[in-house]
Amino acid sequence: MSIANTRATPYYAVIFTSIRTPGDNGYGDMADAMVEAAAKQPGFLGVESAREELGITVSYWDSLESIAAWKQDSMHLVAQQAGREKWYESYKTRICLVERDYDFSRI
């Protein structure tokens, strides 16, 4: 796992917060496939994800148009439907403009 190496601000963050249903039911494989597919989309800048009781995935994009295109990607549409049918008890998506960022690295 690593911290996404985004570009200079401004850029956009899509924050997807979820509570899962019990069991994997193919979720892990689809999640990996979604990251691979998103990485090939124009405007994709990176992704970070953590999952325990509450799952949070943040993807970074160069524009609102790139985010809209990813939302309508055919493979992503299939994953969205499967999520509503079997993987999520609930979720919320937030789209934010990142105006400033900074970092620290011991390495």
N, C-alpha and C. Protein backbone atom coordinates (compact mmCIF):
# COMPACT_ATOMS: atom_id res chain seq x y z
N MET A 1 0.84 -1.17 0.00
CA MET A 1 0.00 0.00 0.00
C MET A 1 0.89 1.23 0.00
N SER A 2 0.45 2.25 -0.72
CA SER A 2 1.21 3.49 -0.77
C SER A 2 0.25 4.68 -0.85
N ILE A 3 0.80 5.84 -0.60
CA ILE A 3 0.03 7.07 -0.72
C ILE A 3 0.07 7.50 -2.18
N ALA A 4 -1.07 7.87 -2.73
CA ALA A 4 -1.15 8.27 -4.13
C ALA A 4 -0.24 9.48 -4.39
N ASN A 5 0.47 9.44 -5.48
CA ASN A 5 1.34 10.53 -5.89
C ASN A 5 0.57 11.40 -6.87
N THR A 6 -0.15 12.36 -6.35
CA THR A 6 -0.99 13.22 -7.17
C THR A 6 -0.18 14.37 -7.75
N ARG A 7 -0.77 15.10 -8.65
CA ARG A 7 -0.11 16.25 -9.27
C ARG A 7 -0.29 17.49 -8.40
N ALA A 8 0.23 18.60 -8.88
CA ALA A 8 0.03 19.87 -8.18
C ALA A 8 -1.46 20.21 -8.15
N THR A 9 -1.88 20.85 -7.08
CA THR A 9 -3.27 21.27 -6.97
C THR A 9 -3.55 22.39 -7.96
N PRO A 10 -4.81 22.56 -8.33
CA PRO A 10 -5.99 21.84 -7.85
C PRO A 10 -6.23 20.56 -8.65
N TYR A 11 -6.91 19.63 -8.00
CA TYR A 11 -7.41 18.42 -8.62
C TYR A 11 -8.61 17.97 -7.80
N TYR A 12 -9.24 16.88 -8.18
CA TYR A 12 -10.46 16.42 -7.51
C TYR A 12 -10.24 15.10 -6.79
N ALA A 13 -10.97 14.93 -5.69
CA ALA A 13 -10.98 13.68 -4.95
C ALA A 13 -12.41 13.16 -4.92
N VAL A 14 -12.57 11.88 -5.21
CA VAL A 14 -13.85 11.20 -5.05
C VAL A 14 -13.70 10.30 -3.83
N ILE A 15 -14.47 10.58 -2.81
CA ILE A 15 -14.40 9.83 -1.56
C ILE A 15 -15.60 8.89 -1.51
N PHE A 16 -15.32 7.60 -1.52
CA PHE A 16 -16.37 6.58 -1.49
C PHE A 16 -16.29 5.88 -0.14
N THR A 17 -17.31 6.09 0.69
CA THR A 17 -17.35 5.51 2.03
C THR A 17 -18.46 4.47 2.05
N SER A 18 -18.16 3.28 2.60
CA SER A 18 -19.15 2.21 2.53
C SER A 18 -19.15 1.34 3.78
N ILE A 19 -20.30 0.70 3.97
CA ILE A 19 -20.45 -0.36 4.95
C ILE A 19 -20.84 -1.60 4.14
N ARG A 20 -20.04 -2.65 4.28
CA ARG A 20 -20.21 -3.86 3.48
C ARG A 20 -21.19 -4.84 4.08
N THR A 21 -21.70 -5.70 3.21
CA THR A 21 -22.46 -6.87 3.64
C THR A 21 -21.46 -7.94 4.09
N PRO A 22 -21.91 -8.95 4.83
CA PRO A 22 -20.99 -10.01 5.25
C PRO A 22 -20.45 -10.82 4.06
N GLY A 23 -19.22 -11.29 4.19
CA GLY A 23 -18.60 -12.15 3.18
C GLY A 23 -18.02 -11.36 2.02
N ASP A 24 -17.17 -12.03 1.26
CA ASP A 24 -16.50 -11.37 0.13
C ASP A 24 -17.38 -11.35 -1.11
N ASN A 25 -17.98 -12.50 -1.46
CA ASN A 25 -18.90 -12.61 -2.60
C ASN A 25 -18.34 -12.02 -3.90
N GLY A 26 -17.02 -12.16 -4.09
CA GLY A 26 -16.38 -11.64 -5.31
C GLY A 26 -15.96 -10.19 -5.23
N TYR A 27 -16.17 -9.56 -4.07
CA TYR A 27 -15.86 -8.14 -3.92
C TYR A 27 -14.37 -7.84 -4.13
N GLY A 28 -13.50 -8.61 -3.51
CA GLY A 28 -12.06 -8.36 -3.58
C GLY A 28 -11.55 -8.35 -5.01
N ASP A 29 -11.97 -9.36 -5.79
CA ASP A 29 -11.54 -9.43 -7.19
C ASP A 29 -12.06 -8.24 -7.98
N MET A 30 -13.32 -7.86 -7.76
CA MET A 30 -13.88 -6.73 -8.49
C MET A 30 -13.20 -5.43 -8.06
N ALA A 31 -12.92 -5.27 -6.78
CA ALA A 31 -12.24 -4.06 -6.31
C ALA A 31 -10.88 -3.92 -6.97
N ASP A 32 -10.12 -5.02 -7.06
CA ASP A 32 -8.82 -4.99 -7.74
C ASP A 32 -8.98 -4.63 -9.22
N ALA A 33 -9.98 -5.21 -9.87
CA ALA A 33 -10.23 -4.93 -11.28
C ALA A 33 -10.62 -3.48 -11.50
N MET A 34 -11.38 -2.90 -10.56
CA MET A 34 -11.79 -1.50 -10.69
C MET A 34 -10.60 -0.55 -10.59
N VAL A 35 -9.66 -0.86 -9.68
CA VAL A 35 -8.46 -0.03 -9.56
C VAL A 35 -7.64 -0.10 -10.84
N GLU A 36 -7.49 -1.29 -11.38
CA GLU A 36 -6.75 -1.45 -12.65
C GLU A 36 -7.43 -0.70 -13.78
N ALA A 37 -8.75 -0.81 -13.87
CA ALA A 37 -9.49 -0.13 -14.94
C ALA A 37 -9.45 1.38 -14.77
N ALA A 38 -9.62 1.86 -13.54
CA ALA A 38 -9.59 3.30 -13.30
C ALA A 38 -8.23 3.88 -13.67
N ALA A 39 -7.17 3.14 -13.37
CA ALA A 39 -5.81 3.62 -13.67
C ALA A 39 -5.58 3.84 -15.16
N LYS A 40 -6.38 3.22 -16.00
CA LYS A 40 -6.26 3.37 -17.45
C LYS A 40 -7.11 4.51 -18.00
N GLN A 41 -7.93 5.11 -17.14
CA GLN A 41 -8.83 6.17 -17.59
C GLN A 41 -8.10 7.50 -17.71
N PRO A 42 -8.39 8.28 -18.75
CA PRO A 42 -7.82 9.62 -18.85
C PRO A 42 -8.19 10.44 -17.63
N GLY A 43 -7.23 11.14 -17.08
CA GLY A 43 -7.48 12.01 -15.95
C GLY A 43 -7.30 11.37 -14.59
N PHE A 44 -7.08 10.05 -14.53
CA PHE A 44 -6.89 9.37 -13.25
C PHE A 44 -5.52 9.74 -12.68
N LEU A 45 -5.49 10.10 -11.39
CA LEU A 45 -4.24 10.51 -10.75
C LEU A 45 -3.75 9.54 -9.69
N GLY A 46 -4.64 8.72 -9.11
CA GLY A 46 -4.22 7.78 -8.08
C GLY A 46 -5.40 7.36 -7.22
N VAL A 47 -5.12 6.43 -6.29
CA VAL A 47 -6.15 5.91 -5.41
C VAL A 47 -5.54 5.48 -4.09
N GLU A 48 -6.33 5.61 -3.02
CA GLU A 48 -5.96 5.13 -1.69
C GLU A 48 -7.20 4.47 -1.10
N SER A 49 -6.99 3.37 -0.35
CA SER A 49 -8.14 2.66 0.17
C SER A 49 -7.81 2.02 1.51
N ALA A 50 -8.80 2.01 2.40
CA ALA A 50 -8.68 1.35 3.70
C ALA A 50 -10.02 0.71 4.02
N ARG A 51 -9.97 -0.46 4.63
CA ARG A 51 -11.21 -1.14 4.96
C ARG A 51 -11.08 -1.84 6.30
N GLU A 52 -11.98 -1.52 7.16
CA GLU A 52 -12.18 -2.24 8.41
C GLU A 52 -13.68 -2.31 8.60
N GLU A 53 -14.19 -1.74 9.67
CA GLU A 53 -15.65 -1.70 9.85
C GLU A 53 -16.29 -0.76 8.84
N LEU A 54 -15.54 0.30 8.49
CA LEU A 54 -15.99 1.29 7.51
C LEU A 54 -14.95 1.31 6.39
N GLY A 55 -15.40 1.19 5.16
CA GLY A 55 -14.48 1.23 4.03
C GLY A 55 -14.41 2.63 3.46
N ILE A 56 -13.20 3.08 3.15
CA ILE A 56 -13.02 4.38 2.52
C ILE A 56 -12.04 4.23 1.38
N THR A 57 -12.49 4.60 0.20
CA THR A 57 -11.62 4.64 -0.97
C THR A 57 -11.66 6.05 -1.53
N VAL A 58 -10.48 6.62 -1.75
CA VAL A 58 -10.38 7.95 -2.32
C VAL A 58 -9.65 7.83 -3.64
N SER A 59 -10.30 8.24 -4.71
CA SER A 59 -9.62 8.29 -6.01
C SER A 59 -9.44 9.76 -6.39
N TYR A 60 -8.37 10.02 -7.14
CA TYR A 60 -8.01 11.38 -7.49
C TYR A 60 -8.07 11.55 -9.00
N TRP A 61 -8.60 12.70 -9.44
CA TRP A 61 -8.86 12.94 -10.85
C TRP A 61 -8.49 14.37 -11.22
N ASP A 62 -8.21 14.58 -12.50
CA ASP A 62 -7.82 15.92 -12.95
C ASP A 62 -8.99 16.84 -13.24
N SER A 63 -10.19 16.29 -13.40
CA SER A 63 -11.33 17.13 -13.77
C SER A 63 -12.65 16.45 -13.43
N LEU A 64 -13.69 17.25 -13.36
CA LEU A 64 -15.04 16.70 -13.17
C LEU A 64 -15.45 15.86 -14.37
N GLU A 65 -15.00 16.23 -15.56
CA GLU A 65 -15.32 15.46 -16.77
C GLU A 65 -14.71 14.05 -16.70
N SER A 66 -13.50 13.94 -16.18
CA SER A 66 -12.87 12.62 -16.02
C SER A 66 -13.65 11.76 -15.04
N ILE A 67 -14.11 12.38 -13.96
CA ILE A 67 -14.91 11.65 -12.96
C ILE A 67 -16.22 11.17 -13.58
N ALA A 68 -16.88 12.04 -14.34
CA ALA A 68 -18.15 11.66 -14.98
C ALA A 68 -17.94 10.53 -15.99
N ALA A 69 -16.85 10.57 -16.72
CA ALA A 69 -16.56 9.51 -17.70
C ALA A 69 -16.33 8.18 -16.98
N TRP A 70 -15.61 8.18 -15.86
CA TRP A 70 -15.37 6.95 -15.11
C TRP A 70 -16.69 6.41 -14.54
N LYS A 71 -17.55 7.27 -14.06
CA LYS A 71 -18.84 6.83 -13.52
C LYS A 71 -19.65 6.08 -14.58
N GLN A 72 -19.49 6.45 -15.85
CA GLN A 72 -20.25 5.83 -16.94
C GLN A 72 -19.49 4.71 -17.66
N ASP A 73 -18.28 4.38 -17.22
CA ASP A 73 -17.51 3.28 -17.81
C ASP A 73 -18.31 1.98 -17.68
N SER A 74 -18.36 1.18 -18.75
CA SER A 74 -19.22 0.00 -18.77
C SER A 74 -18.88 -1.01 -17.68
N MET A 75 -17.61 -1.26 -17.43
CA MET A 75 -17.22 -2.20 -16.39
C MET A 75 -17.56 -1.62 -15.00
N HIS A 76 -17.39 -0.32 -14.85
CA HIS A 76 -17.71 0.33 -13.59
C HIS A 76 -19.23 0.29 -13.33
N LEU A 77 -20.03 0.43 -14.38
CA LEU A 77 -21.49 0.33 -14.22
C LEU A 77 -21.90 -1.04 -13.71
N VAL A 78 -21.24 -2.10 -14.21
CA VAL A 78 -21.52 -3.46 -13.74
C VAL A 78 -21.17 -3.58 -12.26
N ALA A 79 -20.02 -3.04 -11.86
CA ALA A 79 -19.60 -3.09 -10.47
C ALA A 79 -20.55 -2.30 -9.58
N GLN A 80 -21.01 -1.15 -10.05
CA GLN A 80 -21.96 -0.34 -9.27
C GLN A 80 -23.24 -1.13 -8.99
N GLN A 81 -23.75 -1.79 -10.01
CA GLN A 81 -24.98 -2.57 -9.84
C GLN A 81 -24.77 -3.73 -8.88
N ALA A 82 -23.65 -4.44 -9.03
CA ALA A 82 -23.35 -5.55 -8.12
C ALA A 82 -23.20 -5.05 -6.69
N GLY A 83 -22.61 -3.87 -6.53
CA GLY A 83 -22.47 -3.29 -5.20
C GLY A 83 -23.81 -3.07 -4.53
N ARG A 84 -24.75 -2.52 -5.29
CA ARG A 84 -26.08 -2.28 -4.71
C ARG A 84 -26.81 -3.59 -4.44
N GLU A 85 -26.57 -4.61 -5.26
CA GLU A 85 -27.28 -5.88 -5.11
C GLU A 85 -26.70 -6.78 -4.02
N LYS A 86 -25.35 -6.78 -3.85
CA LYS A 86 -24.80 -7.78 -2.93
C LYS A 86 -23.64 -7.33 -2.04
N TRP A 87 -22.95 -6.24 -2.30
CA TRP A 87 -21.75 -5.92 -1.51
C TRP A 87 -21.93 -4.85 -0.45
N TYR A 88 -22.89 -3.96 -0.60
CA TYR A 88 -22.99 -2.83 0.31
C TYR A 88 -24.31 -2.80 1.08
N GLU A 89 -24.20 -2.55 2.38
CA GLU A 89 -25.37 -2.22 3.18
C GLU A 89 -25.73 -0.76 2.90
N SER A 90 -24.71 0.08 2.80
CA SER A 90 -24.90 1.49 2.48
C SER A 90 -23.58 2.08 1.99
N TYR A 91 -23.68 3.18 1.26
CA TYR A 91 -22.48 3.91 0.84
C TYR A 91 -22.82 5.37 0.58
N LYS A 92 -21.77 6.17 0.53
CA LYS A 92 -21.92 7.58 0.21
C LYS A 92 -20.71 7.97 -0.63
N THR A 93 -20.96 8.77 -1.67
CA THR A 93 -19.89 9.27 -2.52
C THR A 93 -19.86 10.79 -2.39
N ARG A 94 -18.65 11.30 -2.21
CA ARG A 94 -18.45 12.75 -2.12
C ARG A 94 -17.39 13.15 -3.15
N ILE A 95 -17.61 14.25 -3.83
CA ILE A 95 -16.66 14.76 -4.81
C ILE A 95 -16.17 16.11 -4.32
N CYS A 96 -14.86 16.24 -4.19
CA CYS A 96 -14.27 17.43 -3.58
C CYS A 96 -13.17 18.00 -4.46
N LEU A 97 -13.04 19.31 -4.43
CA LEU A 97 -11.92 19.99 -5.07
C LEU A 97 -10.80 20.08 -4.05
N VAL A 98 -9.63 19.56 -4.39
CA VAL A 98 -8.46 19.65 -3.53
C VAL A 98 -7.71 20.92 -3.94
N GLU A 99 -7.70 21.87 -3.04
CA GLU A 99 -7.07 23.16 -3.32
C GLU A 99 -5.65 23.25 -2.79
N ARG A 100 -5.34 22.39 -1.83
CA ARG A 100 -4.02 22.43 -1.23
C ARG A 100 -3.69 21.05 -0.70
N ASP A 101 -2.45 20.64 -0.82
CA ASP A 101 -1.98 19.42 -0.17
C ASP A 101 -0.52 19.61 0.24
N TYR A 102 -0.08 18.81 1.17
CA TYR A 102 1.33 18.82 1.58
C TYR A 102 1.64 17.44 2.14
N ASP A 103 2.92 17.13 2.27
CA ASP A 103 3.28 15.79 2.69
C ASP A 103 4.53 15.77 3.54
N PHE A 104 4.79 14.62 4.10
CA PHE A 104 5.98 14.32 4.88
C PHE A 104 6.39 12.91 4.54
N SER A 105 7.68 12.66 4.45
CA SER A 105 8.18 11.31 4.23
C SER A 105 9.49 11.16 4.98
N ARG A 106 9.58 10.13 5.81
CA ARG A 106 10.79 9.85 6.54
C ARG A 106 11.88 9.27 5.63
N ILE A 107 11.46 8.74 4.51
CA ILE A 107 12.39 8.08 3.58
C ILE A 107 13.12 9.11 2.75
